[in-house]
Amino acid sequence: MAAVGTGTGGDPEQRERSRAALVSTPSMDVRTMFLLLHSVTEDNIRFFRLNPTETARRFVTAFSQIQEHGRHLQPLVQSFTGIFPIFDFDERTPANGYRSLIKVVRSCILHIIHKSRYISANRRSIFFRTNHNCMEIEAYCSALCQLRALVYFAQRLLTANKHGDLFFGEEKGLSEDFLHESNSMHKGCFYGRCLGFQFTPAIRPFLQTISIGLVSFGENYRKHDTGLVEVSSLPQYGVAATSIFTSGKYAIDPELRGSEFERLTQNLDVHFWKSFWNITETELLARRQEPVRKWESCSE
């Protein structure tokens, strides 16, 4: 029997997210969350193992890896929840780096649970986008893998520091290890399909717009070698203008956007970032804003 969304209208995936939001509260304890993760992934593994297609095999691999990450993360997350208060600013401000990291891990796991439930409910439907949903699960599996590595390093930091110290005081040793681990991590998954998963859904379109604009700008920045410049054949247009025509491929390909974003953050210098964040002060955009300013002055 085909299991489809039970809402009366709208996108079934959106309805599933709304229902899933009911269980994504901070009050869900760690053990319940990981049991739920294992349950929904196991259900999908059993289903897709019966399907001989390549996409089904990818589903099984991704869900199996998620289960493996969950088994290793559960004891670590449980141990960290007991030490949060030691590093809080004060009793009225429950905030520190360890608490933030585990909160991001929880957000990632809850997203995987919601997506797995959606797949379970719609995988028999003729409208089910098999490849799209498989790529979504693979992306979150990759993100969970990287978060698992960060949690392991946070555990090393916790044991290496003196009791109650949040930061590592020496420049060598663990600090060098952290820089090495950070450079070897695959961070592109956090800027593609998983972009902004730890924030409220309302802010994700804004973050996607910024990331698409940044990678498009970065591609054209390399061609011009410097910041915004005027090209002889296009006197009014520079890097910002030509970026508009290359942004489409990054909008429809999250994996390409993520890998390019990672490359930009690792390789381009401070001049690139100054040029990007000063786009609104360029001559081209300033001229586009002149009619608006004139209209505002007339209305006053």
Protein backbone atom coordinates (compact mmCIF):
# COMPACT_ATOMS: atom_id res chain seq x y z
CA MET A 1 0.00 0.00 0.00
CA ALA A 2 1.29 3.39 -0.91
CA ALA A 3 1.96 5.57 2.09
CA VAL A 4 1.38 9.19 1.20
CA GLY A 5 0.99 12.44 3.13
CA THR A 6 -2.41 12.85 4.76
CA GLY A 7 -2.74 16.63 4.49
CA THR A 8 -5.49 18.26 2.50
CA GLY A 9 -3.27 20.40 0.30
CA GLY A 10 0.17 21.75 -0.38
CA ASP A 11 3.52 20.01 -0.73
CA PRO A 12 3.56 16.65 1.11
CA GLU A 13 7.18 17.21 2.16
CA GLN A 14 6.19 20.52 3.74
CA ARG A 15 3.34 18.83 5.62
CA GLU A 16 5.73 16.18 6.87
CA ARG A 17 8.10 18.87 8.15
CA SER A 18 5.24 20.52 10.00
CA ARG A 19 4.27 17.27 11.70
CA ALA A 20 7.91 16.44 12.44
CA ALA A 21 8.37 19.81 14.12
CA LEU A 22 6.13 18.56 16.90
CA VAL A 23 8.84 16.16 18.07
CA SER A 24 11.89 18.36 17.44
CA THR A 25 11.73 20.05 20.82
CA PRO A 26 14.78 20.47 23.06
CA SER A 27 12.98 18.40 25.71
CA MET A 28 13.53 15.16 23.76
CA ASP A 29 16.14 13.25 25.75
CA VAL A 30 19.25 11.87 24.11
CA ARG A 31 18.33 8.20 24.43
CA THR A 32 14.89 8.69 22.85
CA MET A 33 16.38 10.67 19.99
CA PHE A 34 18.95 8.00 19.10
CA LEU A 35 16.40 5.19 19.46
CA LEU A 36 14.14 7.05 17.06
CA LEU A 37 17.06 7.58 14.67
CA HIS A 38 17.84 3.86 14.66
CA SER A 39 14.19 2.93 14.19
CA VAL A 40 13.47 5.12 11.16
CA THR A 41 16.76 4.29 9.45
CA GLU A 42 16.33 0.55 10.04
CA ASP A 43 12.86 0.68 8.51
CA ASN A 44 14.22 2.29 5.35
CA ILE A 45 17.18 -0.11 5.18
CA ARG A 46 14.84 -3.12 5.23
CA PHE A 47 12.70 -1.60 2.49
CA PHE A 48 15.46 -0.56 0.08
CA ARG A 49 17.39 -3.81 0.47
CA LEU A 50 14.57 -5.49 -1.44
CA ASN A 51 15.06 -3.12 -4.38
CA PRO A 52 17.87 -4.05 -6.81
CA THR A 53 18.42 -0.57 -8.25
CA GLU A 54 21.58 1.53 -7.82
CA THR A 55 19.69 4.31 -6.02
CA ALA A 56 18.29 1.78 -3.52
CA ARG A 57 21.83 0.59 -2.84
CA ARG A 58 22.87 4.19 -2.16
CA PHE A 59 19.94 4.56 0.24
CA VAL A 60 21.02 1.44 2.15
CA THR A 61 24.64 2.64 2.33
CA ALA A 62 23.67 6.11 3.58
CA PHE A 63 21.19 4.86 6.20
CA SER A 64 23.69 2.22 7.41
CA GLN A 65 26.40 4.86 7.80
CA ILE A 66 23.97 7.09 9.71
CA GLN A 67 23.27 4.21 12.10
CA GLU A 68 27.01 3.71 12.59
CA HIS A 69 27.55 7.40 13.34
CA GLY A 70 24.61 7.34 15.74
CA ARG A 71 25.99 4.39 17.70
CA HIS A 72 29.29 6.20 18.26
CA LEU A 73 27.75 9.60 18.95
CA GLN A 74 25.19 8.56 21.56
CA PRO A 75 27.61 7.94 24.47
CA LEU A 76 29.57 11.08 23.60
CA VAL A 77 26.49 13.30 23.49
CA GLN A 78 25.24 11.82 26.77
CA SER A 79 28.57 12.49 28.47
CA PHE A 80 28.68 16.09 27.24
CA THR A 81 25.18 16.88 28.54
CA GLY A 82 26.46 16.28 32.05
CA ILE A 83 29.31 18.82 31.86
CA PHE A 84 27.49 21.73 30.20
CA PRO A 85 26.87 23.69 33.43
CA ILE A 86 30.59 23.73 34.28
CA PHE A 87 31.36 25.99 31.33
CA ASP A 88 28.25 28.17 31.24
CA PHE A 89 28.76 31.91 31.66
CA ASP A 90 26.45 31.87 34.67
CA GLU A 91 23.24 30.16 35.81
CA ARG A 92 21.09 32.61 33.85
CA THR A 93 23.20 32.25 30.69
CA PRO A 94 23.42 28.56 29.75
CA ALA A 95 25.81 28.93 26.83
CA ASN A 96 29.26 27.64 25.90
CA GLY A 97 31.02 26.02 22.95
CA TYR A 98 30.35 22.44 24.02
CA ARG A 99 26.65 23.14 24.43
CA SER A 100 26.51 24.79 20.98
CA LEU A 101 28.29 21.87 19.31
CA ILE A 102 25.94 19.27 20.78
CA LYS A 103 22.95 21.42 19.86
CA VAL A 104 24.12 21.41 16.23
CA VAL A 105 24.54 17.62 16.39
CA ARG A 106 20.99 17.30 17.73
CA SER A 107 19.66 19.53 14.96
CA CYS A 108 21.36 17.39 12.33
CA ILE A 109 19.99 14.16 13.81
CA LEU A 110 16.48 15.59 14.04
CA HIS A 111 16.65 16.64 10.39
CA ILE A 112 17.70 13.11 9.45
CA ILE A 113 14.80 11.68 11.47
CA HIS A 114 12.33 14.02 9.74
CA LYS A 115 13.71 13.23 6.29
CA SER A 116 13.72 9.49 7.02
CA ARG A 117 10.09 9.66 8.09
CA TYR A 118 9.19 11.51 4.93
CA ILE A 119 10.94 8.84 2.85
CA SER A 120 9.15 6.07 4.75
CA ALA A 121 5.78 7.72 4.15
CA ASN A 122 6.27 8.46 0.46
CA ARG A 123 8.73 5.93 -0.94
CA ARG A 124 5.97 3.90 -2.67
CA SER A 125 4.34 6.91 -4.26
CA ILE A 126 4.75 7.49 -8.00
CA PHE A 127 5.52 11.14 -7.17
CA PHE A 128 8.43 10.21 -4.89
CA ARG A 129 11.65 11.85 -6.15
CA THR A 130 14.02 8.96 -5.55
CA ASN A 131 17.32 10.50 -6.60
CA HIS A 132 16.60 13.87 -4.94
CA ASN A 133 15.75 12.27 -1.59
CA CYS A 134 18.74 9.95 -1.82
CA MET A 135 21.06 12.91 -2.33
CA GLU A 136 19.45 14.67 0.64
CA ILE A 137 20.12 11.70 2.92
CA GLU A 138 23.69 11.34 1.63
CA ALA A 139 24.34 15.04 2.30
CA TYR A 140 23.09 14.84 5.89
CA CYS A 141 25.04 11.61 6.39
CA SER A 142 28.19 13.46 5.32
CA ALA A 143 27.36 16.36 7.65
CA LEU A 144 26.82 13.97 10.57
CA CYS A 145 30.18 12.33 9.83
CA GLN A 146 31.97 15.68 10.04
CA LEU A 147 30.11 16.59 13.24
CA ARG A 148 31.13 13.25 14.73
CA ALA A 149 34.78 14.18 14.06
CA LEU A 150 34.25 17.55 15.77
CA VAL A 151 32.68 15.88 18.81
CA TYR A 152 35.65 13.52 19.08
CA PHE A 153 38.03 16.48 18.98
CA ALA A 154 35.92 18.33 21.57
CA GLN A 155 36.30 15.30 23.82
CA ARG A 156 40.08 15.45 23.39
CA LEU A 157 40.00 19.15 24.23
CA LEU A 158 37.92 18.47 27.32
CA THR A 159 40.32 15.86 28.67
CA ALA A 160 43.46 17.88 27.80
CA ASN A 161 42.35 21.09 29.53
CA LYS A 162 42.43 21.78 33.22
CA HIS A 163 39.15 21.30 35.03
CA GLY A 164 36.82 24.18 34.22
CA ASP A 165 38.99 25.65 31.44
CA LEU A 166 37.10 26.13 28.20
CA PHE A 167 40.09 27.08 26.00
CA PHE A 168 43.38 25.33 25.34
CA GLY A 169 46.15 27.62 26.58
CA GLU A 170 49.16 26.40 24.57
CA GLU A 171 49.93 27.31 20.96
CA LYS A 172 51.45 23.95 20.05
CA GLY A 173 50.27 20.40 20.53
CA LEU A 174 46.48 20.23 20.48
CA SER A 175 46.14 23.60 18.74
CA GLU A 176 48.25 22.38 15.82
CA ASP A 177 46.27 19.14 15.71
CA PHE A 178 43.05 21.11 15.54
CA LEU A 179 44.28 23.19 12.59
CA HIS A 180 45.39 20.03 10.80
CA GLU A 181 42.04 18.32 11.44
CA SER A 182 40.14 21.42 10.34
CA ASN A 183 42.01 21.59 7.02
CA SER A 184 41.39 17.90 6.34
CA MET A 185 37.66 18.05 7.03
CA HIS A 186 35.13 18.01 4.20
CA LYS A 187 33.21 21.20 4.96
CA GLY A 188 31.44 21.55 1.63
CA CYS A 189 28.46 19.50 2.83
CA PHE A 190 27.54 22.29 5.27
CA TYR A 191 27.21 24.83 2.44
CA GLY A 192 25.18 22.71 -0.01
CA ARG A 193 21.96 20.87 0.76
CA CYS A 194 22.52 21.12 4.51
CA LEU A 195 23.07 24.87 4.56
CA GLY A 196 21.60 26.44 7.70
CA PHE A 197 19.98 23.27 9.06
CA GLN A 198 20.79 24.39 12.60
CA PHE A 199 18.79 27.61 12.18
CA THR A 200 15.09 28.28 11.88
CA PRO A 201 13.75 27.39 8.39
CA ALA A 202 12.73 31.02 7.79
CA ILE A 203 16.38 32.12 7.52
CA ARG A 204 17.53 29.39 5.11
CA PRO A 205 16.42 31.18 1.88
CA PHE A 206 18.44 34.22 2.94
CA LEU A 207 21.53 32.07 3.65
CA GLN A 208 21.13 30.30 0.30
CA THR A 209 20.94 33.65 -1.50
CA ILE A 210 24.14 34.83 0.21
CA SER A 211 26.00 31.59 -0.59
CA ILE A 212 24.90 31.56 -4.25
CA GLY A 213 25.93 35.18 -4.61
CA LEU A 214 29.28 34.53 -2.96
CA VAL A 215 30.31 31.55 -5.10
CA SER A 216 29.13 33.28 -8.29
CA PHE A 217 31.08 36.38 -7.35
CA GLY A 218 34.12 34.24 -6.52
CA GLU A 219 34.10 32.53 -9.91
CA ASN A 220 34.19 35.87 -11.74
CA TYR A 221 36.63 37.37 -9.23
CA ARG A 222 39.25 34.86 -10.34
CA LYS A 223 38.79 35.86 -13.96
CA HIS A 224 39.39 39.54 -13.18
CA ASP A 225 42.19 38.93 -10.63
CA THR A 226 41.11 41.97 -8.57
CA GLY A 227 37.91 43.30 -7.06
CA LEU A 228 35.16 45.07 -8.97
CA VAL A 229 36.59 46.53 -12.13
CA GLU A 230 35.25 47.92 -15.35
CA VAL A 231 35.82 45.85 -18.44
CA SER A 232 36.47 47.74 -21.69
CA SER A 233 33.87 45.76 -23.63
CA LEU A 234 31.29 46.16 -20.86
CA PRO A 235 31.93 49.58 -19.33
CA GLN A 236 29.13 49.42 -16.81
CA TYR A 237 29.69 45.87 -15.65
CA GLY A 238 32.27 44.23 -13.46
CA VAL A 239 32.48 41.12 -11.36
CA ALA A 240 29.16 41.78 -9.62
CA ALA A 241 27.23 42.20 -12.85
CA THR A 242 28.67 39.17 -14.64
CA SER A 243 28.04 37.06 -11.53
CA ILE A 244 24.31 37.31 -12.20
CA PHE A 245 24.71 35.21 -15.35
CA THR A 246 26.67 32.42 -13.62
CA SER A 247 24.57 32.12 -10.48
CA GLY A 248 22.01 29.76 -12.03
CA LYS A 249 24.19 26.66 -11.97
CA TYR A 250 24.91 27.15 -8.26
CA ALA A 251 21.20 27.58 -7.51
CA ILE A 252 20.28 24.22 -9.06
CA ASP A 253 23.36 22.25 -7.98
CA PRO A 254 23.86 22.34 -4.17
CA GLU A 255 26.86 19.99 -4.30
CA LEU A 256 28.69 22.27 -6.73
CA ARG A 257 27.81 25.28 -4.58
CA GLY A 258 29.11 23.58 -1.45
CA SER A 259 32.42 22.49 -2.96
CA GLU A 260 33.00 25.94 -4.49
CA PHE A 261 32.12 27.65 -1.19
CA GLU A 262 34.66 25.47 0.62
CA ARG A 263 37.32 26.26 -1.97
CA LEU A 264 36.69 30.00 -1.69
CA THR A 265 36.91 30.05 2.10
CA GLN A 266 40.25 28.22 1.99
CA ASN A 267 42.03 29.86 -0.95
CA LEU A 268 40.92 33.44 -1.57
CA ASP A 269 42.46 36.36 0.30
CA VAL A 270 41.03 39.22 2.32
CA HIS A 271 40.72 41.43 -0.77
CA PHE A 272 38.09 39.08 -2.16
CA TRP A 273 35.99 39.30 1.02
CA LYS A 274 36.29 43.09 1.10
CA SER A 275 35.16 43.27 -2.52
CA PHE A 276 32.23 40.94 -1.93
CA TRP A 277 30.86 42.67 1.16
CA ASN A 278 31.30 46.10 -0.49
CA ILE A 279 29.21 45.23 -3.54
CA THR A 280 26.48 47.67 -2.52
CA GLU A 281 29.00 50.53 -2.61
CA THR A 282 30.09 49.99 -6.21
CA GLU A 283 29.42 52.60 -8.88
CA LEU A 284 27.14 50.27 -10.84
CA LEU A 285 24.78 49.51 -7.97
CA ALA A 286 25.00 53.06 -6.66
CA ARG A 287 23.65 54.29 -10.00
CA ARG A 288 20.85 51.75 -9.85
CA GLN A 289 19.89 53.17 -6.44
CA GLU A 290 19.82 56.82 -7.59
CA PRO A 291 16.21 56.71 -8.92
CA VAL A 292 15.08 55.24 -5.62
CA ARG A 293 16.79 57.99 -3.62
CA LYS A 294 15.34 60.67 -5.91
CA TRP A 295 11.86 59.23 -5.52
CA GLU A 296 12.24 59.16 -1.73
CA SER A 297 13.41 62.82 -1.67
CA CYS A 298 10.45 63.90 -3.84
CA SER A 299 7.98 62.05 -1.64
CA GLU A 300 9.31 63.85 1.40
